[in-house]
Amino acid sequence: MDAPGTAAPFSTLIRTASHEQHTEAETSTFMGDLLGGRLGVDAYTRYTEQLWFVYRALEDGAETLRNDPVAGPFIQPELMRGSELERDLAHLRGPGWREDLEPLPATAAYAERVAECARTWPAGYIAHHYTRYLGDLSGGQIIRDKAERTWGFARKGDGVRFYVFEEIANPAAFKRGYRELLDAVDADDLEKQRIIDECKRAFALNTAVFRELGEVFPLSA
């Protein structure tokens, strides 16, 4: 792909450049089996556990970057998922949900990369913020619907609260505003290309988590 220029908005360049990795993540065997109702609630629980480690890194990073000139505008409280994830895990695992909670190796690598970007490269952190939160607002709703139907969770209730953005009344308008923030990011073309590359890396890290989950939960049907 050509380096970013003035031909297309940065938000468009990011979306098109990462399309292949995005599709690979969405079509992973594990996610296909999960959404197809071929796996049990234990697989969904293990997936939710992995999300907790990644979002803890994202949201710990958000605290330190709130006033950063590049990443700061993206830190919006209505996106934060930590407390909802913890409610879901308490529902799925019980009150002692933190006990014996271990990330898969791919999850640990993913969370560490997010934390590293938060510490050393705010523009790179944006790539991870974008791939996670905009994905949650979009495809995440498919996961919520399937989980409610497959395992009987209350609609938008405990077990699927991670996917419910109660403070975002109009997701489409919110995503438009988010893309405007991307288009306005203060970075030259070389730095924008580095952000795009980090976005691809974020999808690859996510796909690696799916791959390891697929090894833990091979389809037995």
Protein backbone atom coordinates (compact mmCIF):
# COMPACT_ATOMS: atom_id res chain seq x y z
CA MET A 1 0.00 0.00 0.00
CA ASP A 2 1.20 3.51 -0.69
CA ALA A 3 2.17 5.67 2.25
CA PRO A 4 -0.71 7.75 3.60
CA GLY A 5 -1.19 11.00 1.78
CA THR A 6 -3.93 13.50 1.16
CA ALA A 7 -5.95 11.25 -1.18
CA ALA A 8 -8.08 9.63 1.53
CA PRO A 9 -8.91 10.39 5.16
CA PHE A 10 -6.66 8.64 7.67
CA SER A 11 -9.63 6.72 9.12
CA THR A 12 -10.31 5.27 5.68
CA LEU A 13 -6.67 4.32 5.18
CA ILE A 14 -6.60 2.49 8.51
CA ARG A 15 -9.80 0.60 7.79
CA THR A 16 -8.78 -0.50 4.29
CA ALA A 17 -5.16 -1.34 5.21
CA SER A 18 -6.22 -3.62 8.07
CA HIS A 19 -9.14 -5.25 6.25
CA GLU A 20 -7.31 -8.52 5.56
CA GLN A 21 -6.19 -8.93 9.19
CA HIS A 22 -9.65 -7.95 10.41
CA THR A 23 -11.25 -10.64 8.26
CA GLU A 24 -8.74 -13.24 9.45
CA ALA A 25 -9.59 -12.47 13.08
CA GLU A 26 -13.34 -12.56 12.45
CA THR A 27 -13.16 -15.87 10.59
CA SER A 28 -10.96 -17.72 13.07
CA THR A 29 -11.98 -21.30 13.79
CA PHE A 30 -12.53 -20.57 17.48
CA MET A 31 -14.80 -17.58 16.85
CA GLY A 32 -16.67 -19.45 14.16
CA ASP A 33 -17.29 -22.36 16.53
CA LEU A 34 -18.26 -20.01 19.36
CA LEU A 35 -20.70 -17.98 17.28
CA GLY A 36 -22.03 -21.14 15.67
CA GLY A 37 -23.13 -22.44 19.06
CA ARG A 38 -20.78 -25.42 18.81
CA LEU A 39 -18.86 -24.61 22.00
CA GLY A 40 -20.01 -24.48 25.59
CA VAL A 41 -20.24 -21.55 27.95
CA ASP A 42 -16.82 -22.55 29.36
CA ALA A 43 -15.25 -21.46 26.06
CA TYR A 44 -17.10 -18.15 26.19
CA THR A 45 -15.91 -17.71 29.78
CA ARG A 46 -12.30 -18.36 28.84
CA TYR A 47 -12.55 -15.86 26.01
CA THR A 48 -13.98 -13.25 28.40
CA GLU A 49 -11.07 -13.88 30.77
CA GLN A 50 -8.60 -13.10 27.97
CA LEU A 51 -10.42 -9.86 27.21
CA TRP A 52 -9.99 -8.77 30.83
CA PHE A 53 -6.19 -8.88 30.57
CA VAL A 54 -6.16 -6.88 27.33
CA TYR A 55 -8.60 -4.25 28.59
CA ARG A 56 -6.78 -3.88 31.86
CA ALA A 57 -3.69 -2.92 29.82
CA LEU A 58 -5.74 -0.61 27.60
CA GLU A 59 -7.45 1.16 30.47
CA ASP A 60 -4.42 1.40 32.74
CA GLY A 61 -2.78 3.05 29.73
CA ALA A 62 -5.75 5.36 29.30
CA GLU A 63 -5.21 6.75 32.78
CA THR A 64 -1.64 7.76 31.98
CA LEU A 65 -2.48 9.15 28.52
CA ARG A 66 -5.55 11.20 29.42
CA ASN A 67 -3.65 14.48 28.96
CA ASP A 68 -1.43 13.36 26.11
CA PRO A 69 -1.78 15.67 23.07
CA VAL A 70 -1.93 12.76 20.59
CA ALA A 71 -3.75 9.96 22.43
CA GLY A 72 -5.67 12.06 24.95
CA PRO A 73 -8.65 12.95 22.70
CA PHE A 74 -9.39 9.23 22.26
CA ILE A 75 -9.68 8.57 26.01
CA GLN A 76 -13.44 8.73 26.47
CA PRO A 77 -15.02 7.37 29.66
CA GLU A 78 -18.12 6.04 27.91
CA LEU A 79 -15.93 3.48 26.14
CA MET A 80 -14.34 1.98 29.26
CA ARG A 81 -15.09 -1.72 29.66
CA GLY A 82 -13.23 -2.77 32.81
CA SER A 83 -16.07 -2.67 35.33
CA GLU A 84 -18.47 -4.37 32.90
CA LEU A 85 -15.95 -7.14 32.22
CA GLU A 86 -15.55 -7.70 35.95
CA ARG A 87 -19.32 -7.97 36.42
CA ASP A 88 -19.44 -10.50 33.61
CA LEU A 89 -16.60 -12.54 35.11
CA ALA A 90 -18.25 -12.51 38.54
CA HIS A 91 -21.37 -13.88 36.87
CA LEU A 92 -19.47 -16.47 34.83
CA ARG A 93 -16.92 -17.58 37.43
CA GLY A 94 -18.44 -16.57 40.74
CA PRO A 95 -17.26 -14.07 43.38
CA GLY A 96 -13.75 -15.51 43.47
CA TRP A 97 -13.28 -14.97 39.74
CA ARG A 98 -9.80 -13.49 40.13
CA GLU A 99 -8.43 -16.70 41.66
CA ASP A 100 -6.36 -18.80 39.24
CA LEU A 101 -7.03 -16.32 36.44
CA GLU A 102 -4.19 -16.75 33.96
CA PRO A 103 -3.70 -15.25 30.51
CA LEU A 104 -2.86 -17.50 27.61
CA PRO A 105 0.68 -16.83 26.30
CA ALA A 106 -0.75 -14.97 23.28
CA THR A 107 -2.93 -12.86 25.58
CA ALA A 108 0.05 -11.95 27.77
CA ALA A 109 1.99 -10.88 24.66
CA TYR A 110 -0.98 -8.83 23.43
CA ALA A 111 -1.48 -7.07 26.77
CA GLU A 112 2.23 -6.35 27.08
CA ARG A 113 2.34 -4.75 23.62
CA VAL A 114 -0.61 -2.52 24.51
CA ALA A 115 1.10 -1.52 27.76
CA GLU A 116 4.40 -0.89 25.95
CA CYS A 117 2.71 1.45 23.47
CA ALA A 118 0.95 3.27 26.32
CA ARG A 119 4.32 3.78 28.03
CA THR A 120 6.47 4.67 25.05
CA TRP A 121 4.41 5.50 21.96
CA PRO A 122 1.01 7.20 22.40
CA ALA A 123 0.30 7.15 18.65
CA GLY A 124 0.78 3.38 18.65
CA TYR A 125 -1.60 3.10 21.57
CA ILE A 126 -4.27 4.72 19.36
CA ALA A 127 -3.98 1.75 16.96
CA HIS A 128 -4.89 -0.67 19.76
CA HIS A 129 -7.61 1.61 21.10
CA TYR A 130 -9.18 1.81 17.64
CA THR A 131 -9.08 -1.91 16.86
CA ARG A 132 -10.62 -2.88 20.19
CA TYR A 133 -13.26 -0.28 20.97
CA LEU A 134 -14.63 0.28 17.48
CA GLY A 135 -14.75 -3.47 17.04
CA ASP A 136 -16.72 -3.80 20.28
CA LEU A 137 -19.23 -1.22 19.10
CA SER A 138 -19.67 -3.05 15.80
CA GLY A 139 -19.03 -6.79 15.61
CA GLY A 140 -19.21 -7.14 19.37
CA GLN A 141 -22.97 -6.80 19.15
CA ILE A 142 -23.12 -9.99 17.09
CA ILE A 143 -21.25 -11.83 19.86
CA ARG A 144 -23.65 -10.46 22.49
CA ASP A 145 -26.71 -11.55 20.54
CA LYS A 146 -25.29 -15.05 19.96
CA ALA A 147 -24.28 -15.40 23.63
CA GLU A 148 -27.76 -14.43 24.81
CA ARG A 149 -29.38 -16.93 22.46
CA THR A 150 -26.90 -19.77 23.00
CA TRP A 151 -26.33 -19.67 26.76
CA GLY A 152 -29.45 -17.91 27.97
CA PHE A 153 -27.97 -14.71 29.36
CA ALA A 154 -30.48 -11.99 30.12
CA ARG A 155 -30.65 -9.47 27.28
CA LYS A 156 -27.87 -6.94 27.88
CA GLY A 157 -27.47 -8.43 31.36
CA ASP A 158 -24.80 -10.15 33.43
CA GLY A 159 -22.52 -12.21 31.23
CA VAL A 160 -22.74 -9.87 28.24
CA ARG A 161 -22.41 -6.43 29.85
CA PHE A 162 -19.01 -6.01 28.20
CA TYR A 163 -20.84 -5.52 24.89
CA VAL A 164 -23.40 -3.02 26.24
CA PHE A 165 -22.36 0.63 25.94
CA GLU A 166 -25.04 2.22 28.08
CA GLU A 167 -23.50 5.68 27.83
CA ILE A 168 -23.43 5.69 24.02
CA ALA A 169 -26.98 6.37 22.84
CA ASN A 170 -26.11 6.53 19.15
CA PRO A 171 -23.22 4.17 18.22
CA ALA A 172 -23.23 5.24 14.57
CA ALA A 173 -22.80 8.91 15.50
CA PHE A 174 -20.14 8.00 18.06
CA LYS A 175 -18.16 6.04 15.47
CA ARG A 176 -18.37 8.99 13.07
CA GLY A 177 -16.94 11.23 15.77
CA TYR A 178 -14.20 8.71 16.48
CA ARG A 179 -13.22 8.60 12.82
CA GLU A 180 -13.03 12.40 12.83
CA LEU A 181 -10.55 12.14 15.71
CA LEU A 182 -8.47 9.74 13.62
CA ASP A 183 -8.58 12.09 10.65
CA ALA A 184 -7.37 14.94 12.86
CA VAL A 185 -4.54 13.03 14.56
CA ASP A 186 -1.40 15.14 14.75
CA ALA A 187 1.09 12.96 12.87
CA ASP A 188 3.04 13.14 9.63
CA ASP A 189 2.65 10.59 6.84
CA LEU A 190 5.48 8.39 8.10
CA GLU A 191 4.00 8.26 11.58
CA LYS A 192 0.55 7.54 10.15
CA GLN A 193 2.01 4.58 8.27
CA ARG A 194 3.55 3.34 11.53
CA ILE A 195 0.11 3.60 13.20
CA ILE A 196 -1.43 1.60 10.35
CA ASP A 197 1.28 -1.05 10.76
CA GLU A 198 0.56 -1.19 14.49
CA CYS A 199 -3.12 -1.61 13.71
CA LYS A 200 -2.26 -4.65 11.61
CA ARG A 201 -0.12 -5.93 14.47
CA ALA A 202 -3.05 -5.50 16.87
CA PHE A 203 -5.25 -7.68 14.68
CA ALA A 204 -2.46 -10.27 14.42
CA LEU A 205 -2.09 -10.35 18.21
CA ASN A 206 -5.84 -10.80 18.56
CA THR A 207 -5.83 -13.61 15.99
CA ALA A 208 -3.06 -15.35 17.95
CA VAL A 209 -5.32 -15.33 21.02
CA PHE A 210 -8.11 -16.93 18.97
CA ARG A 211 -5.66 -19.53 17.70
CA GLU A 212 -4.64 -20.52 21.23
CA LEU A 213 -8.26 -20.56 22.39
CA GLY A 214 -8.97 -22.88 19.47
CA GLU A 215 -6.26 -25.24 20.74
CA VAL A 216 -7.83 -25.22 24.22
CA PHE A 217 -11.32 -25.76 22.81
CA PRO A 218 -10.98 -27.90 19.68
CA LEU A 219 -14.33 -28.57 18.06
CA SER A 220 -15.57 -31.94 19.25
CA ALA A 221 -18.98 -31.87 17.50
